[in-house]
C-alpha atoms as a PDB file:
ATOM      1  CA  UNK A   1      15.675  17.854  14.507  1.00  0.00           C
ATOM      2  CA  UNK A   2      18.152  15.776  12.194  1.00  0.00           C
ATOM      3  CA  UNK A   3      17.962  18.588   9.525  1.00  0.00           C
ATOM      4  CA  UNK A   4      21.036  19.885   7.989  1.00  0.00           C
ATOM      5  CA  UNK A   5      20.971  23.783   7.706  1.00  0.00           C
ATOM      6  CA  UNK A   6      22.503  25.748   4.820  1.00  0.00           C
ATOM      7  CA  UNK A   7      25.979  26.198   7.021  1.00  0.00           C
ATOM      8  CA  UNK A   8      26.141  22.352   7.464  1.00  0.00           C
ATOM      9  CA  UNK A   9      25.515  21.492   3.888  1.00  0.00           C
ATOM     10  CA  UNK A  10      28.424  24.129   2.826  1.00  0.00           C
ATOM     11  CA  UNK A  11      30.793  22.674   5.310  1.00  0.00           C
ATOM     12  CA  UNK A  12      29.788  18.963   4.093  1.00  0.00           C
ATOM     13  CA  UNK A  13      30.350  20.375   0.288  1.00  0.00           C
ATOM     14  CA  UNK A  14      33.770  21.842   1.120  1.00  0.00           C
ATOM     15  CA  UNK A  15      34.967  18.385   2.642  1.00  0.00           C
ATOM     16  CA  UNK A  16      33.730  16.787  -0.290  1.00  0.00           C
ATOM     17  CA  UNK A  17      35.550  18.683  -2.846  1.00  0.00           C
ATOM     18  CA  UNK A  18      39.011  18.424  -0.231  1.00  0.00           C
ATOM     19  CA  UNK A  19      38.663  14.544  -0.362  1.00  0.00           C
ATOM     20  CA  UNK A  20      38.004  14.252  -3.695  1.00  0.00           C
ATOM     21  CA  UNK A  21      39.546  17.436  -5.612  1.00  0.00           C
ATOM     22  CA  UNK A  22      37.553  19.568  -8.126  1.00  0.00           C
ATOM     23  CA  UNK A  23      38.769  16.996 -11.103  1.00  0.00           C
ATOM     24  CA  UNK A  24      36.945  13.607  -9.603  1.00  0.00           C
ATOM     25  CA  UNK A  25      34.092  15.680  -8.032  1.00  0.00           C
ATOM     26  CA  UNK A  26      31.780  15.504 -11.372  1.00  0.00           C
ATOM     27  CA  UNK A  27      32.516  11.905 -11.560  1.00  0.00           C
ATOM     28  CA  UNK A  28      31.779  11.264  -8.419  1.00  0.00           C
ATOM     29  CA  UNK A  29      28.127  13.080  -8.445  1.00  0.00           C
ATOM     30  CA  UNK A  30      27.372  11.857 -11.300  1.00  0.00           C
ATOM     31  CA  UNK A  31      28.098   8.193  -9.780  1.00  0.00           C
ATOM     32  CA  UNK A  32      25.861   9.077  -7.223  1.00  0.00           C
ATOM     33  CA  UNK A  33      22.886  10.628  -9.681  1.00  0.00           C
ATOM     34  CA  UNK A  34      23.167   7.387 -11.371  1.00  0.00           C
ATOM     35  CA  UNK A  35      22.909   5.016  -7.836  1.00  0.00           C
ATOM     36  CA  UNK A  36      19.889   7.045  -6.870  1.00  0.00           C
ATOM     37  CA  UNK A  37      18.423   6.572 -10.280  1.00  0.00           C
ATOM     38  CA  UNK A  38      19.072   2.436  -9.819  1.00  0.00           C
ATOM     39  CA  UNK A  39      17.387   2.726  -6.621  1.00  0.00           C
ATOM     40  CA  UNK A  40      14.174   4.377  -7.292  1.00  0.00           C
ATOM     41  CA  UNK A  41      13.974   2.109 -10.440  1.00  0.00           C
ATOM     42  CA  UNK A  42      14.240  -0.748  -8.411  1.00  0.00           C
ATOM     43  CA  UNK A  43      11.782   0.544  -5.833  1.00  0.00           C
ATOM     44  CA  UNK A  44       9.491   1.085  -8.540  1.00  0.00           C
ATOM     45  CA  UNK A  45       9.728  -2.756  -9.542  1.00  0.00           C
ATOM     46  CA  UNK A  46       9.183  -3.639  -6.198  1.00  0.00           C
ATOM     47  CA  UNK A  47       5.932  -1.861  -5.523  1.00  0.00           C
ATOM     48  CA  UNK A  48       4.400  -2.659  -9.175  1.00  0.00           C
ATOM     49  CA  UNK A  49       5.444  -6.891  -8.369  1.00  0.00           C
ATOM     50  CA  UNK A  50       4.020  -6.385  -4.812  1.00  0.00           C
ATOM     51  CA  UNK A  51       0.605  -4.788  -6.257  1.00  0.00           C
ATOM     52  CA  UNK A  52       0.434  -7.382  -9.586  1.00  0.00           C
ATOM     53  CA  UNK A  53      -1.162 -10.331  -7.501  1.00  0.00           C
ATOM     54  CA  UNK A  54      -3.555  -8.140  -5.865  1.00  0.00           C
ATOM     55  CA  UNK A  55      -4.612  -7.041  -9.286  1.00  0.00           C
ATOM     56  CA  UNK A  56      -4.688 -10.218 -10.699  1.00  0.00           C
ATOM     57  CA  UNK A  57      -6.770 -11.866  -7.984  1.00  0.00           C
ATOM     58  CA  UNK A  58      -9.484  -9.666  -8.331  1.00  0.00           C
ATOM     59  CA  UNK A  59      -9.943 -10.400 -11.896  1.00  0.00           C
ATOM     60  CA  UNK A  60     -12.824 -12.681 -13.157  1.00  0.00           C
ATOM     61  CA  UNK A  61     -11.325 -15.812 -15.320  1.00  0.00           C
ATOM     62  CA  UNK A  62     -11.061 -14.978 -19.136  1.00  0.00           C
ATOM     63  CA  UNK A  63     -12.619 -18.409 -20.215  1.00  0.00           C
ATOM     64  CA  UNK A  64     -15.686 -18.182 -18.274  1.00  0.00           C
ATOM     65  CA  UNK A  65     -14.962 -21.741 -16.920  1.00  0.00           C
ATOM     66  CA  UNK A  66     -15.421 -22.259 -13.134  1.00  0.00           C
ATOM     67  CA  UNK A  67     -12.338 -21.585 -11.149  1.00  0.00           C
ATOM     68  CA  UNK A  68     -11.089 -24.848  -9.096  1.00  0.00           C
ATOM     69  CA  UNK A  69      -9.460 -23.373  -5.813  1.00  0.00           C
ATOM     70  CA  UNK A  70      -6.985 -25.730  -4.025  1.00  0.00           C
ATOM     71  CA  UNK A  71      -8.855 -25.654  -0.835  1.00  0.00           C
ATOM     72  CA  UNK A  72     -11.884 -27.313  -2.500  1.00  0.00           C
ATOM     73  CA  UNK A  73      -9.552 -30.261  -3.546  1.00  0.00           C
ATOM     74  CA  UNK A  74      -9.477 -33.133  -1.071  1.00  0.00           C
ATOM     75  CA  UNK A  75      -6.179 -34.492  -0.079  1.00  0.00           C
ATOM     76  CA  UNK A  76      -5.187 -38.161   1.163  1.00  0.00           C
ATOM     77  CA  UNK A  77      -2.740 -37.420   4.364  1.00  0.00           C
ATOM     78  CA  UNK A  78       0.627 -38.264   3.682  1.00  0.00           C
ATOM     79  CA  UNK A  79       1.757 -41.977   5.458  1.00  0.00           C
ATOM     80  CA  UNK A  80       4.673 -42.398   7.359  1.00  0.00           C
ATOM     81  CA  UNK A  81       6.976 -45.628   6.041  1.00  0.00           C
END
């Protein structure tokens, strides 16, 4: 439905060549490549950060001491002054 065929890709390549010229084209394509690499690197970083907290919760405590959760601690309600 939204895919580009060979004819459309050739037309887009021709328009880019006319707009940027043959001398600027390698520089332009290199910039696009660097942008794509940086985007993929950032996406991998975000995915690893999102997966890291789940991995840490699954691990038992290293010292063997009991873990005190915030839910178990009773807190005094705040008073309005």
